[in-house]
Every structure is written in C-alpha cells, then in structure tokens.
N, C-alpha and C. Protein backbone atom coordinates (compact mmCIF):
# COMPACT_ATOMS: atom_id res chain seq x y z
N UNK A 1 119.26 -42.67 65.68
CA UNK A 1 121.05 -43.04 65.05
C UNK A 1 121.20 -43.00 66.40
N UNK A 2 123.11 -43.64 65.97
CA UNK A 2 123.34 -44.06 67.65
C UNK A 2 124.71 -42.56 67.65
N UNK A 3 124.83 -42.70 69.12
CA UNK A 3 125.46 -41.56 69.46
C UNK A 3 127.27 -41.81 69.38
N UNK A 4 127.74 -40.63 69.36
CA UNK A 4 129.77 -40.95 69.43
C UNK A 4 129.76 -41.93 71.19
N UNK A 5 128.98 -41.81 71.71
CA UNK A 5 129.47 -42.35 72.80
C UNK A 5 129.22 -43.47 72.89
N UNK A 6 128.06 -44.05 72.48
CA UNK A 6 128.04 -45.89 72.36
C UNK A 6 128.62 -46.21 71.08
N UNK A 7 129.31 -45.62 69.88
CA UNK A 7 129.68 -46.07 69.00
C UNK A 7 131.22 -46.49 69.51
N UNK A 8 131.62 -45.30 70.44
CA UNK A 8 133.31 -45.82 71.10
C UNK A 8 132.97 -46.68 72.23
N UNK A 9 132.13 -47.04 72.77
CA UNK A 9 132.02 -48.34 74.36
C UNK A 9 131.56 -49.38 72.85
N UNK A 10 131.34 -49.68 71.77
CA UNK A 10 130.90 -50.62 70.78
C UNK A 10 132.61 -51.02 70.85
N UNK A 11 133.26 -49.69 70.01
CA UNK A 11 134.44 -50.53 69.82
C UNK A 11 135.67 -51.06 70.56
N UNK A 12 135.22 -49.78 72.00
CA UNK A 12 136.43 -50.68 72.90
C UNK A 12 136.07 -52.11 73.53
N UNK A 13 134.31 -52.28 73.22
CA UNK A 13 134.18 -54.04 73.60
C UNK A 13 134.72 -54.65 72.75
N UNK A 14 134.98 -54.49 71.44
CA UNK A 14 135.56 -55.16 70.35
C UNK A 14 137.20 -55.37 70.85
N UNK A 15 137.57 -54.43 71.13
CA UNK A 15 138.95 -54.73 71.29
C UNK A 15 139.41 -55.53 72.51
N UNK A 16 138.46 -55.55 73.43
CA UNK A 16 139.26 -56.59 74.31
C UNK A 16 138.02 -57.97 74.32
N UNK A 17 137.44 -58.04 73.38
CA UNK A 17 136.62 -59.36 73.06
C UNK A 17 137.68 -59.97 72.05
N UNK A 18 137.72 -61.69 72.58
CA UNK A 18 138.28 -62.47 71.60
C UNK A 18 137.97 -62.22 70.23
N UNK A 19 138.35 -62.44 68.77
CA UNK A 19 138.09 -62.56 67.84
C UNK A 19 139.20 -62.81 66.90
N UNK A 20 138.72 -62.88 65.52
CA UNK A 20 139.72 -63.66 64.57
C UNK A 20 139.03 -62.71 63.46
N UNK A 21 140.47 -63.12 62.36
CA UNK A 21 140.38 -62.18 61.43
C UNK A 21 139.81 -63.17 60.33
N UNK A 22 138.76 -62.69 59.18
CA UNK A 22 137.93 -63.09 58.19
C UNK A 22 138.02 -62.85 56.98
N UNK A 23 138.73 -63.34 55.71
CA UNK A 23 138.55 -62.53 54.67
C UNK A 23 137.14 -63.61 53.91
N UNK A 24 136.58 -62.75 53.22
CA UNK A 24 135.39 -62.59 52.64
C UNK A 24 135.37 -62.55 51.11
N UNK A 25 135.03 -63.55 50.10
CA UNK A 25 134.74 -63.15 48.55
C UNK A 25 134.07 -63.22 47.98
N UNK A 26 132.92 -64.05 48.47
CA UNK A 26 131.50 -63.96 47.69
C UNK A 26 130.55 -63.45 48.68
N UNK A 27 129.48 -64.12 48.29
CA UNK A 27 128.22 -63.32 49.45
C UNK A 27 128.59 -63.03 50.42
N UNK A 28 129.25 -63.68 51.49
CA UNK A 28 129.90 -62.85 52.88
C UNK A 28 130.43 -61.40 52.90
N UNK A 29 130.95 -61.22 51.41
CA UNK A 29 131.43 -59.72 50.97
C UNK A 29 129.98 -58.83 51.44
N UNK A 30 129.15 -59.18 51.75
CA UNK A 30 127.71 -58.25 51.87
C UNK A 30 127.81 -58.40 53.50
N UNK A 31 127.94 -57.17 54.33
CA UNK A 31 127.85 -57.52 55.62
C UNK A 31 125.95 -57.37 55.93
N UNK A 32 124.94 -56.79 55.05
CA UNK A 32 123.67 -57.38 55.13
C UNK A 32 123.01 -58.83 55.05
N UNK A 33 124.01 -59.25 54.62
CA UNK A 33 123.94 -60.81 53.78
C UNK A 33 124.35 -61.61 54.86
N UNK A 34 125.67 -61.02 55.47
CA UNK A 34 125.92 -61.63 56.77
C UNK A 34 125.31 -61.57 58.07
N UNK A 35 124.77 -60.50 58.02
CA UNK A 35 123.62 -60.24 59.32
C UNK A 35 122.86 -61.48 59.56
N UNK A 36 122.26 -61.96 57.86
CA UNK A 36 121.37 -62.70 58.11
C UNK A 36 121.84 -64.13 58.54
N UNK A 37 123.10 -64.12 58.71
CA UNK A 37 123.45 -65.90 58.86
C UNK A 37 123.95 -65.57 60.44
N UNK A 38 124.35 -64.28 60.56
CA UNK A 38 125.17 -64.61 61.94
C UNK A 38 124.14 -63.18 63.02
N UNK A 39 123.03 -63.32 63.14
CA UNK A 39 122.02 -62.52 63.81
C UNK A 39 122.51 -61.31 64.20
N UNK A 40 123.85 -60.36 63.97
CA UNK A 40 124.20 -59.12 63.87
C UNK A 40 124.81 -58.39 63.44
N UNK A 41 124.45 -56.77 63.60
CA UNK A 41 125.15 -56.54 61.99
C UNK A 41 126.44 -56.66 61.95
N UNK A 42 126.75 -56.30 61.05
CA UNK A 42 128.33 -57.04 60.40
C UNK A 42 129.62 -55.48 59.77
N UNK A 43 128.41 -54.41 59.94
CA UNK A 43 129.52 -53.38 59.49
C UNK A 43 129.88 -52.60 60.60
N UNK A 44 130.11 -53.09 61.57
CA UNK A 44 131.00 -52.65 62.47
C UNK A 44 132.01 -53.62 62.75
N UNK A 45 132.32 -54.58 62.09
CA UNK A 45 133.20 -55.77 62.22
C UNK A 45 134.23 -55.56 60.68
N UNK A 46 133.34 -54.99 59.78
CA UNK A 46 134.48 -54.80 58.41
C UNK A 46 135.39 -54.02 58.76
N UNK A 47 137.05 -55.00 58.54
CA UNK A 47 138.26 -53.68 57.99
C UNK A 47 138.35 -52.90 57.58
N UNK A 48 137.44 -53.46 56.18
CA UNK A 48 137.87 -52.88 54.83
C UNK A 48 138.41 -54.02 53.66
N UNK A 49 138.78 -53.27 52.11
CA UNK A 49 138.58 -54.25 51.35
C UNK A 49 140.21 -54.65 51.47
N UNK A 50 140.68 -56.20 51.17
CA UNK A 50 141.85 -56.45 51.30
C UNK A 50 141.83 -57.59 49.89
N UNK A 51 142.86 -57.74 49.80
CA UNK A 51 143.68 -59.00 48.74
C UNK A 51 144.70 -59.79 48.90
N UNK A 52 144.20 -60.82 48.43
CA UNK A 52 144.51 -61.90 48.65
C UNK A 52 145.29 -62.67 47.28
N UNK A 53 147.15 -62.54 47.44
CA UNK A 53 147.54 -62.65 46.19
C UNK A 53 147.28 -64.82 46.49
N UNK A 54 147.96 -65.01 44.93
CA UNK A 54 148.10 -66.31 44.65
C UNK A 54 147.07 -67.26 44.54
N UNK A 55 145.86 -66.42 44.68
CA UNK A 55 144.45 -67.02 44.43
C UNK A 55 144.01 -66.57 42.95
N UNK A 56 142.58 -67.65 43.00
CA UNK A 56 141.84 -66.69 41.63
C UNK A 56 140.37 -67.19 42.26
N UNK A 57 139.61 -66.14 41.69
CA UNK A 57 137.97 -66.85 41.98
C UNK A 57 137.35 -67.86 41.11
N UNK A 58 136.35 -68.65 41.38
CA UNK A 58 135.92 -69.44 40.48
C UNK A 58 134.39 -70.24 41.30
N UNK A 59 133.61 -70.59 40.38
CA UNK A 59 132.11 -71.03 40.59
C UNK A 59 132.26 -72.54 40.81
N UNK A 60 133.48 -72.95 41.55
CA UNK A 60 133.35 -74.56 41.63
C UNK A 60 132.67 -75.62 42.61
N UNK A 61 131.45 -74.81 42.88
CA UNK A 61 130.30 -75.90 44.17
C UNK A 61 128.78 -75.13 43.65
N UNK A 62 128.36 -76.30 43.73
CA UNK A 62 127.04 -76.04 43.42
C UNK A 62 126.06 -75.78 44.56
N UNK A 63 125.39 -74.98 44.60
CA UNK A 63 124.60 -74.64 46.51
C UNK A 63 123.58 -75.59 46.28
N UNK A 64 123.04 -76.49 46.63
CA UNK A 64 121.60 -76.93 46.83
C UNK A 64 120.50 -76.02 47.46
N UNK A 65 121.21 -75.08 48.75
CA UNK A 65 120.31 -74.08 49.05
C UNK A 65 119.82 -73.01 48.08
N UNK A 66 120.77 -72.26 47.27
CA UNK A 66 120.67 -71.34 46.46
C UNK A 66 120.31 -71.97 45.52
N UNK A 67 120.41 -73.42 44.72
CA UNK A 67 120.58 -73.67 43.96
C UNK A 67 120.79 -72.92 42.05
N UNK A 68 122.60 -72.85 42.80
CA UNK A 68 123.20 -72.40 41.62
C UNK A 68 124.40 -72.37 41.82
N UNK A 69 125.69 -72.20 40.96
CA UNK A 69 127.29 -72.14 41.48
C UNK A 69 127.49 -70.79 42.43
N UNK A 70 128.23 -71.08 43.32
CA UNK A 70 128.86 -70.35 44.15
C UNK A 70 130.13 -70.14 44.51
N UNK A 71 130.50 -69.29 44.90
CA UNK A 71 131.98 -68.69 44.75
C UNK A 71 133.18 -69.56 45.50
N UNK A 72 133.67 -69.92 45.02
CA UNK A 72 135.14 -70.63 45.45
C UNK A 72 137.03 -70.06 45.09
N UNK A 73 137.71 -70.33 46.08
CA UNK A 73 139.14 -69.66 45.46
C UNK A 73 140.05 -71.12 45.44
N UNK A 74 140.83 -70.87 44.26
CA UNK A 74 141.85 -71.83 43.68
C UNK A 74 143.52 -71.02 43.95
N UNK A 75 144.02 -72.29 44.23
CA UNK A 75 145.36 -71.64 44.32
C UNK A 75 145.96 -71.55 42.61
N UNK A 76 146.36 -69.98 43.05
CA UNK A 76 147.33 -69.82 41.03
C UNK A 76 148.29 -68.99 41.54
N UNK A 77 149.30 -69.12 41.27
CA UNK A 77 150.55 -68.54 41.38
C UNK A 77 150.24 -66.68 41.21
N UNK A 78 149.61 -66.73 39.78
CA UNK A 78 149.31 -65.42 39.08
C UNK A 78 148.22 -64.61 39.23
N UNK A 79 147.66 -65.20 40.01
CA UNK A 79 146.25 -64.34 40.03
C UNK A 79 146.01 -63.45 41.87
N UNK A 80 144.77 -62.97 41.94
CA UNK A 80 144.89 -62.19 43.30
C UNK A 80 143.61 -62.04 43.23
N UNK A 81 142.93 -62.61 44.58
CA UNK A 81 140.92 -61.77 45.01
C UNK A 81 141.07 -60.73 45.61
N UNK A 82 140.15 -60.15 45.41
CA UNK A 82 139.73 -59.02 46.30
C UNK A 82 138.85 -59.49 47.09
N UNK A 83 138.34 -59.02 48.17
CA UNK A 83 137.62 -59.17 48.88
C UNK A 83 137.27 -58.10 50.24
N UNK A 84 136.70 -58.35 51.45
CA UNK A 84 136.40 -57.70 52.59
C UNK A 84 136.60 -58.66 53.96
N UNK A 85 137.94 -57.61 54.28
CA UNK A 85 138.58 -58.21 55.62
C UNK A 85 137.60 -57.62 57.27
N UNK A 86 137.21 -58.64 57.62
CA UNK A 86 136.02 -59.05 58.83
C UNK A 86 137.26 -58.71 60.07
N UNK A 87 137.23 -58.87 61.29
CA UNK A 87 137.60 -58.51 62.35
C UNK A 87 136.13 -59.21 63.17
N UNK A 88 136.03 -60.75 63.07
CA UNK A 88 134.72 -61.09 64.11
C UNK A 88 134.85 -61.55 65.25
N UNK A 89 134.21 -61.32 66.42
CA UNK A 89 134.52 -61.79 67.90
C UNK A 89 134.22 -63.31 67.60
N UNK A 90 135.23 -63.84 68.31
CA UNK A 90 134.99 -65.28 68.21
C UNK A 90 134.13 -66.10 68.62
N UNK A 91 133.32 -65.42 69.57
CA UNK A 91 131.60 -65.82 69.47
C UNK A 91 130.86 -66.47 68.18
N UNK A 92 130.72 -65.37 67.28
CA UNK A 92 130.35 -65.95 65.96
C UNK A 92 131.23 -67.08 65.00
N UNK A 93 132.23 -67.44 65.78
CA UNK A 93 132.73 -68.61 64.68
C UNK A 93 132.36 -69.74 64.74
N UNK A 94 131.46 -70.36 65.66
CA UNK A 94 130.58 -71.58 65.16
C UNK A 94 129.51 -71.30 63.87
N UNK A 95 128.95 -70.22 64.19
CA UNK A 95 127.65 -69.60 63.24
C UNK A 95 128.06 -69.46 61.97
N UNK A 96 129.76 -68.75 61.63
CA UNK A 96 129.85 -68.75 60.43
C UNK A 96 130.33 -70.21 59.95
N UNK A 97 131.19 -71.07 60.59
CA UNK A 97 130.81 -72.63 60.27
C UNK A 97 130.05 -72.66 59.43
N UNK A 98 128.99 -72.85 60.65
CA UNK A 98 127.83 -73.77 59.93
C UNK A 98 127.31 -73.01 58.53
N UNK A 99 127.20 -71.67 58.66
CA UNK A 99 126.76 -70.94 57.11
C UNK A 99 127.65 -71.82 55.88
N UNK A 100 129.13 -72.01 56.25
CA UNK A 100 129.95 -72.11 55.08
C UNK A 100 130.07 -73.82 55.37
N UNK A 101 129.14 -74.87 55.33
CA UNK A 101 128.93 -76.09 55.37
C UNK A 101 129.12 -76.69 53.80
N UNK A 102 130.11 -77.25 53.07
CA UNK A 102 130.93 -77.65 52.43
C UNK A 102 132.11 -76.88 52.07
N UNK A 103 132.84 -76.46 53.03
CA UNK A 103 133.58 -75.34 52.87
C UNK A 103 134.44 -75.99 54.07
N UNK A 104 136.17 -75.79 54.03
CA UNK A 104 137.08 -75.71 54.86
C UNK A 104 137.74 -74.83 55.23
N UNK A 105 138.26 -74.14 56.52
CA UNK A 105 138.98 -73.34 56.84
C UNK A 105 140.47 -73.30 56.37
N UNK A 106 140.88 -72.35 56.02
CA UNK A 106 141.72 -72.14 54.92
C UNK A 106 143.05 -70.84 55.72
N UNK A 107 144.04 -70.79 56.37
CA UNK A 107 144.53 -69.60 56.85
C UNK A 107 145.33 -68.75 56.02
N UNK A 108 145.43 -67.65 55.67
CA UNK A 108 145.77 -66.77 54.45
C UNK A 108 146.20 -65.71 55.29
N UNK A 109 146.35 -64.99 54.28
CA UNK A 109 147.74 -63.87 55.03
C UNK A 109 146.69 -63.04 53.32
N UNK A 110 146.55 -61.72 54.27
CA UNK A 110 146.13 -60.45 53.05
C UNK A 110 146.49 -59.29 53.07
N UNK A 111 146.19 -58.30 52.72
CA UNK A 111 147.07 -57.07 52.44
C UNK A 111 145.30 -56.13 52.74
N UNK A 112 145.42 -55.52 53.75
CA UNK A 112 144.24 -54.34 53.85
C UNK A 112 144.99 -53.03 54.01
N UNK A 113 144.78 -51.75 53.19
CA UNK A 113 145.10 -50.71 53.86
C UNK A 113 146.46 -50.45 54.03
N UNK A 114 146.88 -50.75 53.49
CA UNK A 114 148.49 -51.23 53.63
C UNK A 114 148.88 -51.71 54.72
N UNK A 115 148.34 -52.87 55.31
CA UNK A 115 148.94 -53.67 56.35
C UNK A 115 148.77 -54.91 56.28
N UNK A 116 149.57 -55.87 56.48
CA UNK A 116 149.75 -57.15 55.91
C UNK A 116 148.66 -58.09 57.25
N UNK A 117 148.04 -58.46 56.72
CA UNK A 117 147.29 -59.83 58.15
C UNK A 117 147.48 -60.93 57.70
N UNK A 118 148.46 -61.90 58.53
CA UNK A 118 148.84 -63.18 58.66
C UNK A 118 147.52 -64.12 59.32
N UNK A 119 147.82 -64.88 60.05
CA UNK A 119 146.48 -66.07 60.55
C UNK A 119 144.77 -65.57 59.94
N UNK A 120 145.11 -65.16 59.01
CA UNK A 120 143.57 -64.84 58.52
C UNK A 120 142.77 -65.60 58.23
N UNK A 121 141.33 -66.22 58.19
CA UNK A 121 140.73 -67.29 57.98
C UNK A 121 140.21 -67.05 56.40
N UNK A 122 139.74 -67.74 55.64
CA UNK A 122 138.88 -68.01 54.67
C UNK A 122 138.36 -69.64 54.72
N UNK A 123 137.46 -69.16 53.68
CA UNK A 123 137.21 -70.82 53.64
C UNK A 123 137.01 -71.51 52.04
N UNK A 124 137.30 -72.77 51.54
CA UNK A 124 137.58 -73.20 50.15
C UNK A 124 136.33 -74.16 50.08
N UNK A 125 136.15 -74.61 48.87
CA UNK A 125 134.95 -75.71 48.88
C UNK A 125 136.14 -76.89 49.05
N UNK A 126 135.23 -78.17 49.51
CA UNK A 126 136.02 -79.32 50.19
C UNK A 126 136.06 -80.26 48.80
N UNK A 127 134.83 -80.62 48.39
CA UNK A 127 135.07 -81.32 47.03
C UNK A 127 134.64 -80.60 45.84
N UNK A 128 134.99 -79.84 45.10
CA UNK A 128 135.18 -78.54 44.38
C UNK A 128 135.01 -79.45 42.75
N UNK A 129 134.13 -79.01 42.13
CA UNK A 129 133.58 -79.52 41.12
C UNK A 129 134.65 -79.42 39.90
N UNK A 130 134.35 -80.36 38.62
CA UNK A 130 135.56 -79.90 37.66
C UNK A 130 135.13 -78.60 36.61
N UNK A 131 134.00 -78.17 36.68
CA UNK A 131 133.55 -76.87 35.89
C UNK A 131 133.05 -76.08 36.53
N UNK A 132 132.98 -74.52 36.04
CA UNK A 132 132.26 -73.89 37.35
C UNK A 132 130.81 -74.02 36.78
N UNK A 133 129.94 -73.61 37.96
CA UNK A 133 128.55 -73.18 37.74
C UNK A 133 128.07 -71.95 37.26
N UNK A 134 127.18 -71.39 37.00
CA UNK A 134 126.77 -70.07 36.92
C UNK A 134 125.94 -69.74 38.41
N UNK A 135 126.14 -68.63 38.94
CA UNK A 135 125.60 -68.10 39.65
C UNK A 135 123.78 -67.78 39.25
N UNK A 136 123.17 -67.94 40.21
CA UNK A 136 121.33 -67.10 39.87
C UNK A 136 121.44 -65.51 39.99
N UNK A 137 120.51 -65.04 39.24
CA UNK A 137 120.42 -63.28 39.65
C UNK A 137 120.86 -62.98 41.42
N UNK A 138 120.02 -63.69 42.27
CA UNK A 138 120.11 -63.52 43.75
C UNK A 138 121.71 -63.06 44.19
N UNK A 139 122.16 -64.42 43.65
CA UNK A 139 123.23 -64.60 44.66
C UNK A 139 124.34 -63.58 43.63
N UNK A 140 123.96 -63.50 42.49
CA UNK A 140 124.92 -62.25 41.74
C UNK A 140 124.75 -61.24 42.14
N UNK A 141 123.30 -60.59 42.59
CA UNK A 141 123.37 -59.28 43.08
C UNK A 141 124.05 -59.31 44.44
N UNK A 142 124.34 -60.33 45.17
CA UNK A 142 124.66 -59.48 46.54
C UNK A 142 126.04 -60.06 46.64
N UNK A 143 126.79 -60.98 45.85
CA UNK A 143 127.95 -60.98 45.68
C UNK A 143 128.95 -59.85 45.45
N UNK A 144 128.14 -58.94 43.84
CA UNK A 144 128.17 -57.33 43.49
C UNK A 144 127.73 -56.15 44.85
N UNK A 145 126.46 -56.46 45.38
CA UNK A 145 126.64 -55.56 46.27
C UNK A 145 127.30 -55.37 46.74
N UNK A 146 128.02 -56.76 47.78
CA UNK A 146 128.94 -56.26 48.58
C UNK A 146 130.29 -55.90 48.05
N UNK A 147 130.37 -56.14 47.25
CA UNK A 147 131.95 -55.45 46.30
C UNK A 147 131.91 -54.52 46.38
N UNK A 148 130.60 -53.73 46.17
CA UNK A 148 130.18 -52.04 46.29
C UNK A 148 130.27 -51.25 47.65
N UNK A 149 129.86 -52.14 48.03
CA UNK A 149 129.30 -51.59 49.51
C UNK A 149 130.66 -51.44 50.28
N UNK A 150 131.14 -52.58 50.45
CA UNK A 150 132.68 -52.52 50.95
C UNK A 150 133.83 -51.94 49.93
N UNK A 151 134.00 -51.02 49.28
CA UNK A 151 135.05 -50.61 48.67
C UNK A 151 136.04 -51.29 47.99
N UNK A 152 135.62 -52.46 47.06
CA UNK A 152 136.19 -52.96 46.14
C UNK A 152 136.66 -52.16 44.89
N UNK A 153 138.01 -52.26 44.29
CA UNK A 153 138.00 -51.26 43.02
C UNK A 153 137.11 -51.49 42.34
N UNK A 154 136.79 -50.50 41.60
CA UNK A 154 135.76 -50.68 40.30
C UNK A 154 136.57 -51.34 39.41
N UNK A 155 137.58 -51.68 38.90
CA UNK A 155 137.97 -52.51 37.81
C UNK A 155 137.65 -54.05 38.53
N UNK A 156 137.93 -54.36 39.32
CA UNK A 156 138.00 -55.47 40.04
C UNK A 156 135.85 -55.81 39.87
N UNK A 157 135.54 -54.89 39.90
CA UNK A 157 133.98 -55.46 40.65
C UNK A 157 133.32 -55.39 38.73
N UNK A 158 133.58 -55.00 37.70
CA UNK A 158 133.50 -54.63 36.84
C UNK A 158 134.00 -56.27 36.41
N UNK A 159 135.45 -56.91 36.69
CA UNK A 159 135.75 -58.48 36.05
C UNK A 159 135.00 -59.20 36.57
N UNK A 160 134.45 -58.88 38.22
CA UNK A 160 133.66 -59.61 38.90
C UNK A 160 132.33 -60.35 38.07
N UNK A 161 131.76 -58.56 37.81
CA UNK A 161 130.15 -58.56 36.94
C UNK A 161 130.43 -59.62 35.52
N UNK A 162 131.97 -59.40 34.99
CA UNK A 162 131.76 -59.54 33.71
C UNK A 162 131.84 -61.34 33.58
N UNK A 163 132.62 -61.69 34.93
CA UNK A 163 132.64 -63.27 34.92
C UNK A 163 131.44 -64.03 34.71
N UNK A 164 130.60 -63.56 35.94
CA UNK A 164 129.35 -63.68 36.42
C UNK A 164 128.47 -64.27 35.04
N UNK A 165 128.45 -62.67 34.84
CA UNK A 165 127.41 -62.17 33.54
C UNK A 165 127.89 -63.63 32.39
N UNK A 166 129.33 -63.75 32.58
CA UNK A 166 129.45 -65.25 31.24
C UNK A 166 129.23 -66.44 31.38
N UNK A 167 129.40 -66.79 32.75
CA UNK A 167 128.76 -67.68 33.31
C UNK A 167 127.24 -68.10 32.77
N UNK A 168 126.89 -67.05 33.65
CA UNK A 168 124.99 -66.65 33.03
C UNK A 168 124.74 -67.30 31.80
N UNK A 169 125.50 -66.49 30.60
CA UNK A 169 125.03 -66.55 29.18
C UNK A 169 125.73 -68.12 28.56
N UNK A 170 126.70 -68.80 29.04
CA UNK A 170 127.02 -69.85 28.76
C UNK A 170 125.90 -71.11 29.47
N UNK A 171 125.73 -71.04 30.23
CA UNK A 171 124.86 -71.71 31.49
C UNK A 171 123.51 -71.69 30.45
N UNK A 172 122.81 -70.56 30.53
CA UNK A 172 121.98 -70.60 29.40
C UNK A 172 121.61 -70.85 28.01
N UNK A 173 122.72 -70.34 27.52
CA UNK A 173 123.15 -71.38 25.67
C UNK A 173 122.65 -72.49 25.79
N UNK A 174 123.79 -73.19 26.87
CA UNK A 174 124.15 -74.66 26.88
C UNK A 174 122.01 -75.17 26.94
N UNK A 175 121.59 -74.67 27.51
CA UNK A 175 120.20 -74.76 28.22
C UNK A 175 119.39 -74.63 27.00
N UNK A 176 119.64 -74.05 26.19
CA UNK A 176 118.60 -73.52 25.51
C UNK A 176 119.04 -74.83 23.95
N UNK A 177 120.76 -75.33 24.13
CA UNK A 177 120.67 -76.61 22.86
C UNK A 177 120.55 -77.43 22.98
N UNK A 178 120.04 -78.03 24.70
CA UNK A 178 120.14 -79.03 24.82
C UNK A 178 118.29 -79.59 24.56
N UNK A 179 117.46 -78.25 24.57
CA UNK A 179 116.13 -77.86 24.49
C UNK A 179 116.16 -78.27 23.22
N UNK A 180 117.05 -78.00 22.20
CA UNK A 180 116.98 -78.16 21.03
C UNK A 180 116.75 -79.43 20.21
N UNK A 181 117.92 -80.01 21.26
CA UNK A 181 118.18 -81.58 20.90
C UNK A 181 117.57 -82.41 21.06
N UNK A 182 116.22 -82.28 22.38
CA UNK A 182 115.66 -83.03 23.08
C UNK A 182 114.71 -83.04 22.26
C-alpha cells in the first residue's frame, strides 16, 4: 500500500513535470487498458469525468488489431460526449500518439467538476467510414469498464451500452441474412 508521503511526493512531481490534458472517450477511458500501452499506472493522472459539447460518438473506424469497430467522435452541435479527462506527463505523448494510429489530434474544450478546460487533446479518426461497425465483446467491456470506473453518469453508461449492443445485434442479424442467402 502506498504511503501518504509517497502519494504527496508523486503529486508534487506531477505538479512540476510538463503535462497536457487528454480527453478519452473510448477504450482509453479505462486506466488499466491505457496502462497497457503507456507503460505506467494511469490512475494518478485521472482528473475525472468530463463532458465534451458539440460532438457525438460513433463507431466509424474498424480496427485491424482488435478486429472490430472502435469509437470516434463526430461534430454534432446538438450532442455531447462523456469521457475521462487525464492530465498526462508530456513524456507519454509519443506513446499515446502511437496507440492512436489512424487518429489525429484535435484540440477541444471540456468541462470537468465544474471547471472548463481549454486546449485539451483528443483524437478523431482520419478516414471515417460511412457506416458504423460493431465493437467486439472485449472492446465493449473495456469501454464500459472505463466509463463506470471513472464515474461517468449512470444514464450515459446505459446509453453507451445500448448503442454498442444495438450495433452488435444489427451486425449479427446481417451476418445471419448473408449466410441464408449464400
């Protein structure tokens, strides 16, 4: 168990180390999954639940690595996306870029715990597909685990669950139809 003094030391290092804010809305919401790519514990870098206005979620990228649809954000003035705000050390920037291949940086503004954060980094798909593709069960679970772990609103978690489930059901139905017509 980490002692209070080592926790304070860790926090003081964070305060002086160059950093950037990062808004995660997909699998990166899960600190455990993000650790897999970035190589260190992510929990200390979580600022908390954040809201991005003017965008909506969609599965407009198919990941070759994960063999399924993965999340993206698309501009939509009537919508908002819930996610996780991190304050990451600048030294992790290249590793995060590497993880997000096929995505590009976008600078956004989010609200977290009543505070407005400008100049926040997020990632959007470079070559968006014209229709959504369902996530596999593994990706589905990682996204929900991150949303619940980092305190996204219960109603939003259910909305996210329903959207992913509906995509999976539609894809399964289309696969059955294709098999029958073959």
